[in-house]
Amino acid sequence: MEELADTLVYFAHPYTSCEKGTNEWHNGIIRRFIPKGKRIDSYTAEEISNIEVWCNSLPRRILGYRTPDEVFEAELDRIYRAA
């Protein structure tokens, strides 16, 4: 896969949360709104969208205290400038 896509592939072992700290941190953010054990289909699409907007507007240390939205928009700008 790495050769076909010219990208690096990262593998984390199942049930080893210490190997995927950022993912676990993001799960914790989502759990502020959707408690563990609560079915996600009990939420409306609008509620899920609002959670998504809130999460993507939260600055992250790993992103240099920028928001995921800011990083995504900057990357799109970079791609369009190159094209």
N, C-alpha and C. Protein backbone atom coordinates (compact mmCIF):
# COMPACT_ATOMS: atom_id res chain seq x y z
N MET A 1 0.83 -1.18 0.00
CA MET A 1 0.00 0.00 0.00
C MET A 1 0.88 1.26 0.00
N GLU A 2 1.97 1.24 0.78
CA GLU A 2 2.85 2.40 0.84
C GLU A 2 3.44 2.71 -0.53
N GLU A 3 3.79 1.67 -1.28
CA GLU A 3 4.38 1.88 -2.60
C GLU A 3 3.34 2.38 -3.60
N LEU A 4 2.14 1.85 -3.54
CA LEU A 4 1.09 2.25 -4.49
C LEU A 4 0.65 3.70 -4.27
N ALA A 5 0.48 4.09 -3.02
CA ALA A 5 -0.04 5.42 -2.71
C ALA A 5 1.06 6.43 -2.44
N ASP A 6 2.31 6.00 -2.43
CA ASP A 6 3.44 6.87 -2.11
C ASP A 6 3.20 7.63 -0.80
N THR A 7 2.83 6.87 0.21
CA THR A 7 2.57 7.45 1.53
C THR A 7 2.98 6.45 2.61
N LEU A 8 3.16 6.94 3.81
CA LEU A 8 3.49 6.06 4.92
C LEU A 8 2.22 5.55 5.58
N VAL A 9 2.25 4.32 6.03
CA VAL A 9 1.11 3.71 6.71
C VAL A 9 1.51 3.48 8.16
N TYR A 10 0.66 3.90 9.09
CA TYR A 10 0.90 3.72 10.51
C TYR A 10 -0.05 2.65 11.03
N PHE A 11 0.46 1.70 11.77
CA PHE A 11 -0.35 0.62 12.32
C PHE A 11 -0.32 0.70 13.83
N ALA A 12 -1.48 0.73 14.43
CA ALA A 12 -1.59 0.67 15.89
C ALA A 12 -2.24 -0.67 16.26
N HIS A 13 -1.74 -1.27 17.31
CA HIS A 13 -2.29 -2.55 17.76
C HIS A 13 -3.66 -2.33 18.41
N PRO A 14 -4.59 -3.24 18.18
CA PRO A 14 -5.91 -3.12 18.82
C PRO A 14 -5.80 -3.10 20.34
N TYR A 15 -6.63 -2.32 20.97
CA TYR A 15 -6.72 -2.23 22.43
C TYR A 15 -5.43 -1.71 23.08
N THR A 16 -4.64 -0.96 22.32
CA THR A 16 -3.41 -0.38 22.86
C THR A 16 -3.52 1.14 22.72
N SER A 17 -4.25 1.75 23.63
CA SER A 17 -4.54 3.17 23.52
C SER A 17 -3.30 4.04 23.59
N CYS A 18 -2.23 3.56 24.22
CA CYS A 18 -1.01 4.36 24.32
C CYS A 18 -0.34 4.57 22.97
N GLU A 19 -0.69 3.77 21.97
CA GLU A 19 -0.13 3.93 20.63
C GLU A 19 -0.90 4.93 19.79
N LYS A 20 -2.03 5.37 20.26
CA LYS A 20 -2.87 6.27 19.47
C LYS A 20 -3.46 7.36 20.35
N GLY A 21 -2.57 8.10 20.99
CA GLY A 21 -2.97 9.11 21.95
C GLY A 21 -3.87 10.19 21.39
N THR A 22 -3.55 10.70 20.19
CA THR A 22 -4.37 11.76 19.61
C THR A 22 -5.78 11.26 19.34
N ASN A 23 -5.89 10.05 18.83
CA ASN A 23 -7.21 9.48 18.57
C ASN A 23 -8.01 9.34 19.86
N GLU A 24 -7.36 8.86 20.92
CA GLU A 24 -8.04 8.71 22.20
C GLU A 24 -8.46 10.07 22.76
N TRP A 25 -7.62 11.09 22.56
CA TRP A 25 -7.96 12.43 23.03
C TRP A 25 -9.20 12.95 22.29
N HIS A 26 -9.25 12.71 20.98
CA HIS A 26 -10.42 13.13 20.19
C HIS A 26 -11.68 12.38 20.63
N ASN A 27 -11.54 11.11 20.93
CA ASN A 27 -12.68 10.35 21.44
C ASN A 27 -13.20 10.98 22.73
N GLY A 28 -12.28 11.43 23.58
CA GLY A 28 -12.67 12.09 24.83
C GLY A 28 -13.43 13.38 24.59
N ILE A 29 -13.02 14.13 23.57
CA ILE A 29 -13.74 15.36 23.22
C ILE A 29 -15.17 15.03 22.81
N ILE A 30 -15.31 14.03 21.96
CA ILE A 30 -16.65 13.65 21.49
C ILE A 30 -17.50 13.14 22.65
N ARG A 31 -16.88 12.46 23.62
CA ARG A 31 -17.61 11.93 24.78
C ARG A 31 -18.18 13.04 25.67
N ARG A 32 -17.72 14.28 25.50
CA ARG A 32 -18.34 15.39 26.22
C ARG A 32 -19.80 15.54 25.82
N PHE A 33 -20.10 15.16 24.58
CA PHE A 33 -21.44 15.33 24.03
C PHE A 33 -22.20 14.01 23.92
N ILE A 34 -21.48 12.95 23.61
CA ILE A 34 -22.10 11.64 23.42
C ILE A 34 -21.48 10.68 24.43
N PRO A 35 -22.15 10.45 25.55
CA PRO A 35 -21.58 9.57 26.58
C PRO A 35 -21.39 8.14 26.07
N LYS A 36 -20.38 7.48 26.60
CA LYS A 36 -20.11 6.09 26.25
C LYS A 36 -21.34 5.25 26.57
N GLY A 37 -21.72 4.38 25.65
CA GLY A 37 -22.88 3.52 25.84
C GLY A 37 -24.16 4.09 25.25
N LYS A 38 -24.17 5.39 24.94
CA LYS A 38 -25.36 6.02 24.35
C LYS A 38 -25.29 5.81 22.84
N ARG A 39 -26.40 5.40 22.26
CA ARG A 39 -26.45 5.12 20.83
C ARG A 39 -26.38 6.42 20.04
N ILE A 40 -25.50 6.43 19.06
CA ILE A 40 -25.33 7.64 18.25
C ILE A 40 -26.56 7.91 17.40
N ASP A 41 -27.33 6.86 17.08
CA ASP A 41 -28.52 7.10 16.26
C ASP A 41 -29.65 7.76 17.05
N SER A 42 -29.43 8.00 18.35
CA SER A 42 -30.43 8.75 19.12
C SER A 42 -30.23 10.26 18.98
N TYR A 43 -29.20 10.66 18.22
CA TYR A 43 -28.92 12.07 17.96
C TYR A 43 -29.36 12.42 16.54
N THR A 44 -29.81 13.64 16.35
CA THR A 44 -30.19 14.08 15.01
C THR A 44 -28.95 14.44 14.21
N ALA A 45 -29.10 14.51 12.90
CA ALA A 45 -27.99 14.91 12.04
C ALA A 45 -27.51 16.31 12.40
N GLU A 46 -28.44 17.18 12.78
CA GLU A 46 -28.06 18.54 13.17
C GLU A 46 -27.23 18.54 14.46
N GLU A 47 -27.61 17.71 15.42
CA GLU A 47 -26.83 17.62 16.66
C GLU A 47 -25.41 17.11 16.39
N ILE A 48 -25.30 16.11 15.54
CA ILE A 48 -23.98 15.56 15.19
C ILE A 48 -23.17 16.63 14.47
N SER A 49 -23.81 17.36 13.57
CA SER A 49 -23.13 18.43 12.85
C SER A 49 -22.63 19.52 13.81
N ASN A 50 -23.44 19.87 14.80
CA ASN A 50 -23.02 20.88 15.78
C ASN A 50 -21.82 20.39 16.60
N ILE A 51 -21.80 19.12 16.95
CA ILE A 51 -20.66 18.55 17.67
C ILE A 51 -19.41 18.62 16.78
N GLU A 52 -19.58 18.27 15.53
CA GLU A 52 -18.47 18.31 14.57
C GLU A 52 -17.91 19.73 14.44
N VAL A 53 -18.78 20.71 14.30
CA VAL A 53 -18.34 22.11 14.17
C VAL A 53 -17.59 22.53 15.43
N TRP A 54 -18.12 22.17 16.61
CA TRP A 54 -17.46 22.54 17.86
C TRP A 54 -16.07 21.92 17.94
N CYS A 55 -15.98 20.61 17.62
CA CYS A 55 -14.70 19.91 17.68
C CYS A 55 -13.68 20.51 16.72
N ASN A 56 -14.11 20.84 15.52
CA ASN A 56 -13.19 21.37 14.52
C ASN A 56 -12.85 22.85 14.73
N SER A 57 -13.49 23.48 15.69
CA SER A 57 -13.20 24.87 16.03
C SER A 57 -12.35 24.99 17.29
N LEU A 58 -11.96 23.87 17.86
CA LEU A 58 -11.19 23.84 19.09
C LEU A 58 -9.69 23.81 18.76
N PRO A 59 -8.92 24.81 19.19
CA PRO A 59 -7.47 24.80 18.90
C PRO A 59 -6.79 23.58 19.52
N ARG A 60 -5.81 23.05 18.79
CA ARG A 60 -5.09 21.86 19.25
C ARG A 60 -3.60 22.17 19.38
N ARG A 61 -3.00 21.73 20.45
CA ARG A 61 -1.57 21.91 20.65
C ARG A 61 -0.79 21.25 19.53
N ILE A 62 -1.21 20.05 19.11
CA ILE A 62 -0.52 19.31 18.07
C ILE A 62 -0.53 20.05 16.73
N LEU A 63 -1.45 20.99 16.58
CA LEU A 63 -1.55 21.79 15.36
C LEU A 63 -0.98 23.20 15.57
N GLY A 64 -0.16 23.37 16.57
CA GLY A 64 0.41 24.68 16.85
C GLY A 64 -0.64 25.67 17.33
N TYR A 65 -1.60 25.18 18.07
CA TYR A 65 -2.71 25.95 18.64
C TYR A 65 -3.60 26.58 17.56
N ARG A 66 -3.58 25.96 16.39
CA ARG A 66 -4.55 26.32 15.35
C ARG A 66 -5.70 25.33 15.43
N THR A 67 -6.81 25.67 14.81
CA THR A 67 -7.95 24.76 14.79
C THR A 67 -7.83 23.82 13.59
N PRO A 68 -8.47 22.66 13.64
CA PRO A 68 -8.48 21.79 12.46
C PRO A 68 -9.05 22.50 11.23
N ASP A 69 -10.05 23.35 11.42
CA ASP A 69 -10.61 24.10 10.29
C ASP A 69 -9.54 24.99 9.66
N GLU A 70 -8.74 25.67 10.48
CA GLU A 70 -7.70 26.55 9.96
C GLU A 70 -6.65 25.76 9.18
N VAL A 71 -6.25 24.63 9.72
CA VAL A 71 -5.24 23.80 9.07
C VAL A 71 -5.78 23.25 7.75
N PHE A 72 -7.02 22.82 7.75
CA PHE A 72 -7.63 22.29 6.53
C PHE A 72 -7.72 23.36 5.45
N GLU A 73 -8.18 24.54 5.82
CA GLU A 73 -8.29 25.64 4.85
C GLU A 73 -6.92 26.04 4.31
N ALA A 74 -5.91 26.08 5.16
CA ALA A 74 -4.56 26.41 4.71
C ALA A 74 -4.04 25.35 3.74
N GLU A 75 -4.33 24.11 4.00
CA GLU A 75 -3.90 23.04 3.10
C GLU A 75 -4.62 23.13 1.76
N LEU A 76 -5.91 23.43 1.78
CA LEU A 76 -6.63 23.63 0.52
C LEU A 76 -6.03 24.79 -0.27
N ASP A 77 -5.73 25.89 0.41
CA ASP A 77 -5.11 27.03 -0.26
C ASP A 77 -3.78 26.62 -0.90
N ARG A 78 -2.98 25.84 -0.18
CA ARG A 78 -1.69 25.38 -0.71
C ARG A 78 -1.88 24.52 -1.95
N ILE A 79 -2.87 23.64 -1.91
CA ILE A 79 -3.13 22.75 -3.04
C ILE A 79 -3.59 23.56 -4.25
N TYR A 80 -4.49 24.50 -4.05
CA TYR A 80 -5.01 25.29 -5.17
C TYR A 80 -3.95 26.21 -5.76
N ARG A 81 -3.02 26.70 -4.93
CA ARG A 81 -1.94 27.55 -5.45
C ARG A 81 -1.00 26.73 -6.34
N ALA A 82 -0.82 25.45 -6.00
CA ALA A 82 0.09 24.59 -6.74
C ALA A 82 -0.52 24.15 -8.08
N ALA A 83 -1.84 24.17 -8.17
CA ALA A 83 -2.51 23.67 -9.39
C ALA A 83 -2.51 24.66 -10.52
